[in-house]
Amino acid sequence: MSININVIDENGEERSAEWHEDQTLLEALLANQFPVLATCGGNASCATCHAYIDPEHFASLGERTEAEEDLLDMVDDISNEYSRLSCQTEFTEGMDGATVTLKPGM
């Protein structure tokens, strides 16, 4: 199973991406050729895969983990209530049609 999401890249350009159920959001972004740094390799220890999820779909993702909360607190100058680490964001059908915005300069 897969869904389609809209991704706004670091240049402000939007395009569609396919997200498969066996992928995290980070894996889907990388598979769709989006340049996400992910310095730690997707292990929730760097916050360089930070993304913003549109408010309409944010709740479908469930709660952030404690490790994710801690990292987002460390980047509180850029994070907001709709921030997620894409490496910690699991697939859910509720994200179909969602818009994900990558932080400029990631």
PDB file of N, CA and C in Angstrom:
ATOM      1  N   MET A   1       0.839  -1.175   0.000  1.00  0.00           N
ATOM      2  CA  MET A   1       0.000   0.000   0.000  1.00  0.00           C
ATOM      3  C   MET A   1       0.886   1.241   0.000  1.00  0.00           C
ATOM      4  N   SER A   2       0.413   2.289  -0.633  1.00  0.00           N
ATOM      5  CA  SER A   2       1.131   3.561  -0.618  1.00  0.00           C
ATOM      6  C   SER A   2       0.124   4.706  -0.676  1.00  0.00           C
ATOM      7  N   ILE A   3       0.608   5.875  -0.323  1.00  0.00           N
ATOM      8  CA  ILE A   3      -0.191   7.096  -0.396  1.00  0.00           C
ATOM      9  C   ILE A   3       0.637   8.148  -1.123  1.00  0.00           C
ATOM     10  N   ASN A   4      -0.011   9.241  -1.462  1.00  0.00           N
ATOM     11  CA  ASN A   4       0.697  10.365  -2.069  1.00  0.00           C
ATOM     12  C   ASN A   4       0.670  11.546  -1.120  1.00  0.00           C
ATOM     13  N   ILE A   5       1.825  12.170  -0.996  1.00  0.00           N
ATOM     14  CA  ILE A   5       1.938  13.391  -0.201  1.00  0.00           C
ATOM     15  C   ILE A   5       2.503  14.480  -1.098  1.00  0.00           C
ATOM     16  N   ASN A   6       2.311  15.714  -0.709  1.00  0.00           N
ATOM     17  CA  ASN A   6       2.891  16.854  -1.409  1.00  0.00           C
ATOM     18  C   ASN A   6       4.049  17.353  -0.571  1.00  0.00           C
ATOM     19  N   VAL A   7       5.182  17.563  -1.217  1.00  0.00           N
ATOM     20  CA  VAL A   7       6.368  17.992  -0.492  1.00  0.00           C
ATOM     21  C   VAL A   7       6.819  19.337  -1.045  1.00  0.00           C
ATOM     22  N   ILE A   8       7.003  20.285  -0.138  1.00  0.00           N
ATOM     23  CA  ILE A   8       7.567  21.582  -0.500  1.00  0.00           C
ATOM     24  C   ILE A   8       9.030  21.529  -0.100  1.00  0.00           C
ATOM     25  N   ASP A   9       9.900  21.608  -1.094  1.00  0.00           N
ATOM     26  CA  ASP A   9      11.326  21.454  -0.814  1.00  0.00           C
ATOM     27  C   ASP A   9      11.945  22.744  -0.278  1.00  0.00           C
ATOM     28  N   GLU A  10      13.246  22.700  -0.029  1.00  0.00           N
ATOM     29  CA  GLU A  10      13.951  23.826   0.575  1.00  0.00           C
ATOM     30  C   GLU A  10      13.957  25.071  -0.309  1.00  0.00           C
ATOM     31  N   ASN A  11      13.629  24.915  -1.597  1.00  0.00           N
ATOM     32  CA  ASN A  11      13.550  26.060  -2.512  1.00  0.00           C
ATOM     33  C   ASN A  11      12.128  26.576  -2.665  1.00  0.00           C
ATOM     34  N   GLY A  12      11.186  25.974  -1.948  1.00  0.00           N
ATOM     35  CA  GLY A  12       9.793  26.396  -2.025  1.00  0.00           C
ATOM     36  C   GLY A  12       9.021  25.769  -3.169  1.00  0.00           C
ATOM     37  N   GLU A  13       9.633  24.814  -3.867  1.00  0.00           N
ATOM     38  CA  GLU A  13       8.958  24.147  -4.973  1.00  0.00           C
ATOM     39  C   GLU A  13       8.207  22.934  -4.445  1.00  0.00           C
ATOM     40  N   GLU A  14       6.996  22.729  -4.961  1.00  0.00           N
ATOM     41  CA  GLU A  14       6.148  21.633  -4.487  1.00  0.00           C
ATOM     42  C   GLU A  14       6.020  20.562  -5.563  1.00  0.00           C
ATOM     43  N   ARG A  15       6.122  19.313  -5.120  1.00  0.00           N
ATOM     44  CA  ARG A  15       5.853  18.186  -6.018  1.00  0.00           C
ATOM     45  C   ARG A  15       5.339  17.008  -5.204  1.00  0.00           C
ATOM     46  N   SER A  16       4.705  16.103  -5.893  1.00  0.00           N
ATOM     47  CA  SER A  16       4.111  14.941  -5.262  1.00  0.00           C
ATOM     48  C   SER A  16       5.169  13.871  -5.007  1.00  0.00           C
ATOM     49  N   ALA A  17       4.946  13.085  -3.951  1.00  0.00           N
ATOM     50  CA  ALA A  17       5.842  11.982  -3.623  1.00  0.00           C
ATOM     51  C   ALA A  17       4.999  10.793  -3.181  1.00  0.00           C
ATOM     52  N   GLU A  18       5.469   9.609  -3.495  1.00  0.00           N
ATOM     53  CA  GLU A  18       4.792   8.391  -3.070  1.00  0.00           C
ATOM     54  C   GLU A  18       5.438   7.894  -1.783  1.00  0.00           C
ATOM     55  N   TRP A  19       4.606   7.519  -0.810  1.00  0.00           N
ATOM     56  CA  TRP A  19       5.076   7.041   0.493  1.00  0.00           C
ATOM     57  C   TRP A  19       4.510   5.644   0.701  1.00  0.00           C
ATOM     58  N   HIS A  20       5.382   4.653   0.821  1.00  0.00           N
ATOM     59  CA  HIS A  20       4.984   3.261   0.991  1.00  0.00           C
ATOM     60  C   HIS A  20       4.895   2.903   2.466  1.00  0.00           C
ATOM     61  N   GLU A  21       4.023   1.965   2.774  1.00  0.00           N
ATOM     62  CA  GLU A  21       3.751   1.617   4.165  1.00  0.00           C
ATOM     63  C   GLU A  21       4.949   1.044   4.912  1.00  0.00           C
ATOM     64  N   ASP A  22       5.958   0.573   4.228  1.00  0.00           N
ATOM     65  CA  ASP A  22       7.136   0.024   4.908  1.00  0.00           C
ATOM     66  C   ASP A  22       8.235   1.067   5.095  1.00  0.00           C
ATOM     67  N   GLN A  23       7.911   2.340   4.879  1.00  0.00           N
ATOM     68  CA  GLN A  23       8.896   3.411   4.981  1.00  0.00           C
ATOM     69  C   GLN A  23       8.528   4.401   6.084  1.00  0.00           C
ATOM     70  N   THR A  24       9.564   5.007   6.662  1.00  0.00           N
ATOM     71  CA  THR A  24       9.346   6.202   7.469  1.00  0.00           C
ATOM     72  C   THR A  24       9.207   7.361   6.484  1.00  0.00           C
ATOM     73  N   LEU A  25       8.818   8.505   6.985  1.00  0.00           N
ATOM     74  CA  LEU A  25       8.737   9.676   6.116  1.00  0.00           C
ATOM     75  C   LEU A  25      10.108   9.997   5.531  1.00  0.00           C
ATOM     76  N   LEU A  26      11.165   9.885   6.332  1.00  0.00           N
ATOM     77  CA  LEU A  26      12.518  10.133   5.835  1.00  0.00           C
ATOM     78  C   LEU A  26      12.840   9.221   4.660  1.00  0.00           C
ATOM     79  N   GLU A  27      12.568   7.940   4.807  1.00  0.00           N
ATOM     80  CA  GLU A  27      12.853   6.991   3.733  1.00  0.00           C
ATOM     81  C   GLU A  27      12.071   7.329   2.470  1.00  0.00           C
ATOM     82  N   ALA A  28      10.819   7.753   2.630  1.00  0.00           N
ATOM     83  CA  ALA A  28      10.008   8.146   1.476  1.00  0.00           C
ATOM     84  C   ALA A  28      10.581   9.393   0.802  1.00  0.00           C
ATOM     85  N   LEU A  29      11.013  10.361   1.601  1.00  0.00           N
ATOM     86  CA  LEU A  29      11.595  11.580   1.034  1.00  0.00           C
ATOM     87  C   LEU A  29      12.862  11.260   0.249  1.00  0.00           C
ATOM     88  N   LEU A  30      13.710  10.436   0.818  1.00  0.00           N
ATOM     89  CA  LEU A  30      14.955  10.067   0.132  1.00  0.00           C
ATOM     90  C   LEU A  30      14.677   9.255  -1.131  1.00  0.00           C
ATOM     91  N   ALA A  31      13.713   8.337  -1.064  1.00  0.00           N
ATOM     92  CA  ALA A  31      13.362   7.521  -2.226  1.00  0.00           C
ATOM     93  C   ALA A  31      12.805   8.364  -3.371  1.00  0.00           C
ATOM     94  N   ASN A  32      12.214   9.510  -3.018  1.00  0.00           N
ATOM     95  CA  ASN A  32      11.658  10.416  -4.015  1.00  0.00           C
ATOM     96  C   ASN A  32      12.618  11.551  -4.369  1.00  0.00           C
ATOM     97  N   GLN A  33      13.890  11.351  -4.037  1.00  0.00           N
ATOM     98  CA  GLN A  33      14.980  12.257  -4.437  1.00  0.00           C
ATOM     99  C   GLN A  33      14.925  13.651  -3.807  1.00  0.00           C
ATOM    100  N   PHE A  34      14.392  13.738  -2.585  1.00  0.00           N
ATOM    101  CA  PHE A  34      14.450  15.009  -1.854  1.00  0.00           C
ATOM    102  C   PHE A  34      15.741  15.033  -1.049  1.00  0.00           C
ATOM    103  N   PRO A  35      16.478  16.128  -1.097  1.00  0.00           N
ATOM    104  CA  PRO A  35      17.769  16.198  -0.404  1.00  0.00           C
ATOM    105  C   PRO A  35      17.624  16.489   1.095  1.00  0.00           C
ATOM    106  N   VAL A  36      17.380  15.452   1.864  1.00  0.00           N
ATOM    107  CA  VAL A  36      17.266  15.590   3.321  1.00  0.00           C
ATOM    108  C   VAL A  36      18.595  15.138   3.921  1.00  0.00           C
ATOM    109  N   LEU A  37      19.181  15.980   4.743  1.00  0.00           N
ATOM    110  CA  LEU A  37      20.508  15.706   5.285  1.00  0.00           C
ATOM    111  C   LEU A  37      20.551  14.442   6.149  1.00  0.00           C
ATOM    112  N   ALA A  38      19.748  14.360   7.166  1.00  0.00           N
ATOM    113  CA  ALA A  38      19.683  13.193   8.060  1.00  0.00           C
ATOM    114  C   ALA A  38      21.070  12.717   8.475  1.00  0.00           C
ATOM    115  N   THR A  39      21.820  13.596   9.093  1.00  0.00           N
ATOM    116  CA  THR A  39      23.208  13.336   9.483  1.00  0.00           C
ATOM    117  C   THR A  39      23.376  12.060  10.299  1.00  0.00           C
ATOM    118  N   CYS A  40      22.431  11.763  11.175  1.00  0.00           N
ATOM    119  CA  CYS A  40      22.557  10.585  12.051  1.00  0.00           C
ATOM    120  C   CYS A  40      22.087   9.299  11.383  1.00  0.00           C
ATOM    121  N   GLY A  41      21.646   9.377  10.146  1.00  0.00           N
ATOM    122  CA  GLY A  41      21.187   8.188   9.448  1.00  0.00           C
ATOM    123  C   GLY A  41      19.791   7.743   9.846  1.00  0.00           C
ATOM    124  N   GLY A  42      19.027   8.632  10.413  1.00  0.00           N
ATOM    125  CA  GLY A  42      17.659   8.293  10.795  1.00  0.00           C
ATOM    126  C   GLY A  42      17.524   7.659  12.160  1.00  0.00           C
ATOM    127  N   ASN A  43      18.419   7.989  13.070  1.00  0.00           N
ATOM    128  CA  ASN A  43      18.410   7.395  14.404  1.00  0.00           C
ATOM    129  C   ASN A  43      17.944   8.338  15.511  1.00  0.00           C
ATOM    130  N   ALA A  44      17.265   9.402  15.148  1.00  0.00           N
ATOM    131  CA  ALA A  44      16.720  10.363  16.119  1.00  0.00           C
ATOM    132  C   ALA A  44      17.780  10.935  17.047  1.00  0.00           C
ATOM    133  N   SER A  45      18.901  11.365  16.459  1.00  0.00           N
ATOM    134  CA  SER A  45      19.914  11.978  17.306  1.00  0.00           C
ATOM    135  C   SER A  45      20.505  13.255  16.729  1.00  0.00           C
ATOM    136  N   CYS A  46      19.873  13.834  15.678  1.00  0.00           N
ATOM    137  CA  CYS A  46      20.467  15.056  15.122  1.00  0.00           C
ATOM    138  C   CYS A  46      19.468  16.146  14.738  1.00  0.00           C
ATOM    139  N   ALA A  47      18.249  15.823  14.403  1.00  0.00           N
ATOM    140  CA  ALA A  47      17.194  16.759  13.999  1.00  0.00           C
ATOM    141  C   ALA A  47      17.413  17.395  12.626  1.00  0.00           C
ATOM    142  N   THR A  48      18.329  16.867  11.816  1.00  0.00           N
ATOM    143  CA  THR A  48      18.536  17.436  10.480  1.00  0.00           C
ATOM    144  C   THR A  48      17.510  16.928   9.464  1.00  0.00           C
ATOM    145  N   CYS A  49      16.595  16.078   9.886  1.00  0.00           N
ATOM    146  CA  CYS A  49      15.517  15.620   9.003  1.00  0.00           C
ATOM    147  C   CYS A  49      14.190  16.273   9.388  1.00  0.00           C
ATOM    148  N   HIS A  50      14.265  17.368  10.129  1.00  0.00           N
ATOM    149  CA  HIS A  50      13.099  18.099  10.609  1.00  0.00           C
ATOM    150  C   HIS A  50      12.204  18.528   9.441  1.00  0.00           C
ATOM    151  N   ALA A  51      10.904  18.350   9.599  1.00  0.00           N
ATOM    152  CA  ALA A  51       9.930  18.764   8.591  1.00  0.00           C
ATOM    153  C   ALA A  51       8.683  19.284   9.291  1.00  0.00           C
ATOM    154  N   TYR A  52       7.907  20.068   8.559  1.00  0.00           N
ATOM    155  CA  TYR A  52       6.639  20.581   9.059  1.00  0.00           C
ATOM    156  C   TYR A  52       5.506  19.829   8.359  1.00  0.00           C
ATOM    157  N   ILE A  53       4.524  19.394   9.124  1.00  0.00           N
ATOM    158  CA  ILE A  53       3.363  18.680   8.598  1.00  0.00           C
ATOM    159  C   ILE A  53       2.179  19.638   8.626  1.00  0.00           C
ATOM    160  N   ASP A  54       1.389  19.642   7.561  1.00  0.00           N
ATOM    161  CA  ASP A  54       0.259  20.572   7.548  1.00  0.00           C
ATOM    162  C   ASP A  54      -0.704  20.252   8.693  1.00  0.00           C
ATOM    163  N   PRO A  55      -1.328  21.298   9.258  1.00  0.00           N
ATOM    164  CA  PRO A  55      -2.194  21.115  10.427  1.00  0.00           C
ATOM    165  C   PRO A  55      -3.337  20.128  10.220  1.00  0.00           C
ATOM    166  N   GLU A  56      -3.864  20.022   9.002  1.00  0.00           N
ATOM    167  CA  GLU A  56      -4.992  19.138   8.734  1.00  0.00           C
ATOM    168  C   GLU A  56      -4.639  17.660   8.918  1.00  0.00           C
ATOM    169  N   HIS A  57      -3.374  17.315   8.732  1.00  0.00           N
ATOM    170  CA  HIS A  57      -2.964  15.912   8.784  1.00  0.00           C
ATOM    171  C   HIS A  57      -2.090  15.575   9.997  1.00  0.00           C
ATOM    172  N   PHE A  58      -1.650  16.575  10.721  1.00  0.00           N
ATOM    173  CA  PHE A  58      -0.703  16.373  11.815  1.00  0.00           C
ATOM    174  C   PHE A  58      -1.210  15.358  12.851  1.00  0.00           C
ATOM    175  N   ALA A  59      -2.458  15.468  13.241  1.00  0.00           N
ATOM    176  CA  ALA A  59      -3.000  14.594  14.292  1.00  0.00           C
ATOM    177  C   ALA A  59      -3.012  13.123  13.880  1.00  0.00           C
ATOM    178  N   SER A  60      -3.048  12.840  12.591  1.00  0.00           N
ATOM    179  CA  SER A  60      -3.093  11.441  12.139  1.00  0.00           C
ATOM    180  C   SER A  60      -1.789  10.703  12.425  1.00  0.00           C
ATOM    181  N   LEU A  61      -0.727  11.440  12.770  1.00  0.00           N
ATOM    182  CA  LEU A  61       0.575  10.821  13.024  1.00  0.00           C
ATOM    183  C   LEU A  61       0.733  10.281  14.430  1.00  0.00           C
ATOM    184  N   GLY A  62      -0.135  10.642  15.323  1.00  0.00           N
ATOM    185  CA  GLY A  62       0.019  10.198  16.703  1.00  0.00           C
ATOM    186  C   GLY A  62       1.044  11.043  17.445  1.00  0.00           C
ATOM    187  N   GLU A  63       1.396  10.601  18.625  1.00  0.00           N
ATOM    188  CA  GLU A  63       2.291  11.350  19.505  1.00  0.00           C
ATOM    189  C   GLU A  63       3.754  11.234  19.087  1.00  0.00           C
ATOM    190  N   ARG A  64       4.507  12.271  19.388  1.00  0.00           N
ATOM    191  CA  ARG A  64       5.956  12.216  19.206  1.00  0.00           C
ATOM    192  C   ARG A  64       6.560  11.362  20.316  1.00  0.00           C
ATOM    193  N   THR A  65       7.687  10.717  20.014  1.00  0.00           N
ATOM    194  CA  THR A  65       8.401   9.978  21.049  1.00  0.00           C
ATOM    195  C   THR A  65       9.128  10.985  21.950  1.00  0.00           C
ATOM    196  N   GLU A  66       9.570  10.533  23.103  1.00  0.00           N
ATOM    197  CA  GLU A  66      10.311  11.411  24.008  1.00  0.00           C
ATOM    198  C   GLU A  66      11.606  11.885  23.364  1.00  0.00           C
ATOM    199  N   ALA A  67      12.296  11.003  22.654  1.00  0.00           N
ATOM    200  CA  ALA A  67      13.541  11.383  21.974  1.00  0.00           C
ATOM    201  C   ALA A  67      13.280  12.447  20.915  1.00  0.00           C
ATOM    202  N   GLU A  68      12.185  12.301  20.196  1.00  0.00           N
ATOM    203  CA  GLU A  68      11.823  13.287  19.178  1.00  0.00           C
ATOM    204  C   GLU A  68      11.511  14.633  19.829  1.00  0.00           C
ATOM    205  N   GLU A  69      10.749  14.607  20.911  1.00  0.00           N
ATOM    206  CA  GLU A  69      10.436  15.847  21.645  1.00  0.00           C
ATOM    207  C   GLU A  69      11.715  16.553  22.096  1.00  0.00           C
ATOM    208  N   ASP A  70      12.639  15.770  22.651  1.00  0.00           N
ATOM    209  CA  ASP A  70      13.894  16.348  23.142  1.00  0.00           C
ATOM    210  C   ASP A  70      14.678  17.021  22.022  1.00  0.00           C
ATOM    211  N   LEU A  71      14.770  16.374  20.875  1.00  0.00           N
ATOM    212  CA  LEU A  71      15.512  16.959  19.748  1.00  0.00           C
ATOM    213  C   LEU A  71      14.812  18.198  19.209  1.00  0.00           C
ATOM    214  N   LEU A  72      13.500  18.163  19.120  1.00  0.00           N
ATOM    215  CA  LEU A  72      12.778  19.338  18.641  1.00  0.00           C
ATOM    216  C   LEU A  72      12.904  20.495  19.621  1.00  0.00           C
ATOM    217  N   ASP A  73      12.992  20.197  20.892  1.00  0.00           N
ATOM    218  CA  ASP A  73      13.240  21.253  21.890  1.00  0.00           C
ATOM    219  C   ASP A  73      14.588  21.920  21.665  1.00  0.00           C
ATOM    220  N   MET A  74      15.567  21.136  21.201  1.00  0.00           N
ATOM    221  CA  MET A  74      16.904  21.685  20.949  1.00  0.00           C
ATOM    222  C   MET A  74      16.924  22.621  19.745  1.00  0.00           C
ATOM    223  N   VAL A  75      15.971  22.471  18.842  1.00  0.00           N
ATOM    224  CA  VAL A  75      15.900  23.343  17.667  1.00  0.00           C
ATOM    225  C   VAL A  75      14.644  24.214  17.735  1.00  0.00           C
ATOM    226  N   ASP A  76      14.325  24.665  18.945  1.00  0.00           N
ATOM    227  CA  ASP A  76      13.093  25.420  19.146  1.00  0.00           C
ATOM    228  C   ASP A  76      13.045  26.735  18.397  1.00  0.00           C
ATOM    229  N   ASP A  77      14.183  27.208  17.875  1.00  0.00           N
ATOM    230  CA  ASP A  77      14.165  28.422  17.076  1.00  0.00           C
ATOM    231  C   ASP A  77      13.553  28.187  15.698  1.00  0.00           C
ATOM    232  N   ILE A  78      13.472  26.925  15.258  1.00  0.00           N
ATOM    233  CA  ILE A  78      12.865  26.610  13.966  1.00  0.00           C
ATOM    234  C   ILE A  78      11.675  25.669  14.070  1.00  0.00           C
ATOM    235  N   SER A  79      11.534  24.970  15.183  1.00  0.00           N
ATOM    236  CA  SER A  79      10.429  24.025  15.314  1.00  0.00           C
ATOM    237  C   SER A  79       9.153  24.747  15.731  1.00  0.00           C
ATOM    238  N   ASN A  80       8.032  24.110  15.430  1.00  0.00           N
ATOM    239  CA  ASN A  80       6.748  24.642  15.872  1.00  0.00           C
ATOM    240  C   ASN A  80       5.836  23.475  16.234  1.00  0.00           C
ATOM    241  N   GLU A  81       4.591  23.758  16.504  1.00  0.00           N
ATOM    242  CA  GLU A  81       3.671  22.713  16.946  1.00  0.00           C
ATOM    243  C   GLU A  81       3.399  21.650  15.887  1.00  0.00           C
ATOM    244  N   TYR A  82       3.770  21.910  14.637  1.00  0.00           N
ATOM    245  CA  TYR A  82       3.562  20.954  13.550  1.00  0.00           C
ATOM    246  C   TYR A  82       4.868  20.331  13.066  1.00  0.00           C
ATOM    247  N   SER A  83       5.900  20.433  13.860  1.00  0.00           N
ATOM    248  CA  SER A  83       7.205  19.873  13.520  1.00  0.00           C
ATOM    249  C   SER A  83       7.263  18.389  13.844  1.00  0.00           C
ATOM    250  N   ARG A  84       7.947  17.647  12.978  1.00  0.00           N
ATOM    251  CA  ARG A  84       8.249  16.245  13.224  1.00  0.00           C
ATOM    252  C   ARG A  84       9.642  15.954  12.690  1.00  0.00           C
ATOM    253  N   LEU A  85      10.271  14.949  13.249  1.00  0.00           N
ATOM    254  CA  LEU A  85      11.499  14.422  12.664  1.00  0.00           C
ATOM    255  C   LEU A  85      11.036  13.376  11.658  1.00  0.00           C
ATOM    256  N   SER A  86      11.419  13.537  10.404  1.00  0.00           N
ATOM    257  CA  SER A  86      10.911  12.615   9.391  1.00  0.00           C
ATOM    258  C   SER A  86      11.382  11.184   9.630  1.00  0.00           C
ATOM    259  N   CYS A  87      12.514  11.004  10.313  1.00  0.00           N
ATOM    260  CA  CYS A  87      13.000   9.647  10.606  1.00  0.00           C
ATOM    261  C   CYS A  87      12.136   8.937  11.634  1.00  0.00           C
ATOM    262  N   GLN A  88      11.367   9.682  12.407  1.00  0.00           N
ATOM    263  CA  GLN A  88      10.523   9.116  13.454  1.00  0.00           C
ATOM    264  C   GLN A  88       9.048   9.113  13.071  1.00  0.00           C
ATOM    265  N   THR A  89       8.759   9.542  11.852  1.00  0.00           N
ATOM    266  CA  THR A  89       7.383   9.657  11.398  1.00  0.00           C
ATOM    267  C   THR A  89       7.003   8.414  10.607  1.00  0.00           C
ATOM    268  N   GLU A  90       6.166   7.596  11.204  1.00  0.00           N
ATOM    269  CA  GLU A  90       5.748   6.324  10.610  1.00  0.00           C
ATOM    270  C   GLU A  90       4.601   6.547   9.622  1.00  0.00           C
ATOM    271  N   PHE A  91       4.525   5.664   8.639  1.00  0.00           N
ATOM    272  CA  PHE A  91       3.470   5.675   7.633  1.00  0.00           C
ATOM    273  C   PHE A  91       2.107   5.538   8.288  1.00  0.00           C
ATOM    274  N   THR A  92       1.159   6.300   7.790  1.00  0.00           N
ATOM    275  CA  THR A  92      -0.243   6.137   8.166  1.00  0.00           C
ATOM    276  C   THR A  92      -1.093   6.595   6.982  1.00  0.00           C
ATOM    277  N   GLU A  93      -2.154   5.867   6.717  1.00  0.00           N
ATOM    278  CA  GLU A  93      -3.051   6.216   5.611  1.00  0.00           C
ATOM    279  C   GLU A  93      -3.647   7.605   5.793  1.00  0.00           C
ATOM    280  N   GLY A  94      -3.735   8.074   7.032  1.00  0.00           N
ATOM    281  CA  GLY A  94      -4.277   9.391   7.321  1.00  0.00           C
ATOM    282  C   GLY A  94      -3.453  10.541   6.753  1.00  0.00           C
ATOM    283  N   MET A  95      -2.249  10.232   6.298  1.00  0.00           N
ATOM    284  CA  MET A  95      -1.392  11.265   5.700  1.00  0.00           C
ATOM    285  C   MET A  95      -1.606  11.408   4.190  1.00  0.00           C
ATOM    286  N   ASP A  96      -2.487  10.622   3.608  1.00  0.00           N
ATOM    287  CA  ASP A  96      -2.732  10.719   2.170  1.00  0.00           C
ATOM    288  C   ASP A  96      -3.177  12.143   1.830  1.00  0.00           C
ATOM    289  N   GLY A  97      -2.475  12.768   0.890  1.00  0.00           N
ATOM    290  CA  GLY A  97      -2.780  14.126   0.467  1.00  0.00           C
ATOM    291  C   GLY A  97      -2.165  15.214   1.332  1.00  0.00           C
ATOM    292  N   ALA A  98      -1.425  14.837   2.358  1.00  0.00           N
ATOM    293  CA  ALA A  98      -0.806  15.815   3.273  1.00  0.00           C
ATOM    294  C   ALA A  98       0.274  16.618   2.568  1.00  0.00           C
ATOM    295  N   THR A  99       0.548  17.791   3.107  1.00  0.00           N
ATOM    296  CA  THR A  99       1.658  18.616   2.631  1.00  0.00           C
ATOM    297  C   THR A  99       2.736  18.604   3.700  1.00  0.00           C
ATOM    298  N   VAL A 100       3.944  18.254   3.284  1.00  0.00           N
ATOM    299  CA  VAL A 100       5.111  18.212   4.151  1.00  0.00           C
ATOM    300  C   VAL A 100       6.087  19.279   3.646  1.00  0.00           C
ATOM    301  N   THR A 101       6.508  20.145   4.539  1.00  0.00           N
ATOM    302  CA  THR A 101       7.421  21.221   4.150  1.00  0.00           C
ATOM    303  C   THR A 101       8.781  20.974   4.786  1.00  0.00           C
ATOM    304  N   LEU A 102       9.799  20.938   3.938  1.00  0.00           N
ATOM    305  CA  LEU A 102      11.172  20.757   4.420  1.00  0.00           C
ATOM    306  C   LEU A 102      11.725  22.104   4.822  1.00  0.00           C
ATOM    307  N   LYS A 103      12.470  22.118   5.905  1.00  0.00           N
ATOM    308  CA  LYS A 103      13.072  23.359   6.380  1.00  0.00           C
ATOM    309  C   LYS A 103      14.123  23.824   5.376  1.00  0.00           C
ATOM    310  N   PRO A 104      14.103  25.094   4.987  1.00  0.00           N
ATOM    311  CA  PRO A 104      15.133  25.607   4.082  1.00  0.00           C
ATOM    312  C   PRO A 104      16.528  25.368   4.642  1.00  0.00           C
ATOM    313  N   GLY A 105      17.417  24.968   3.785  1.00  0.00           N
ATOM    314  CA  GLY A 105      18.802  24.762   4.187  1.00  0.00           C
ATOM    315  C   GLY A 105      19.069  23.414   4.800  1.00  0.00           C
ATOM    316  N   MET A 106      18.127  22.477   4.747  1.00  0.00           N
ATOM    317  CA  MET A 106      18.368  21.157   5.314  1.00  0.00           C
ATOM    318  C   MET A 106      19.174  20.427   4.318  1.00  0.00           C
TER     319      MET A 106
END
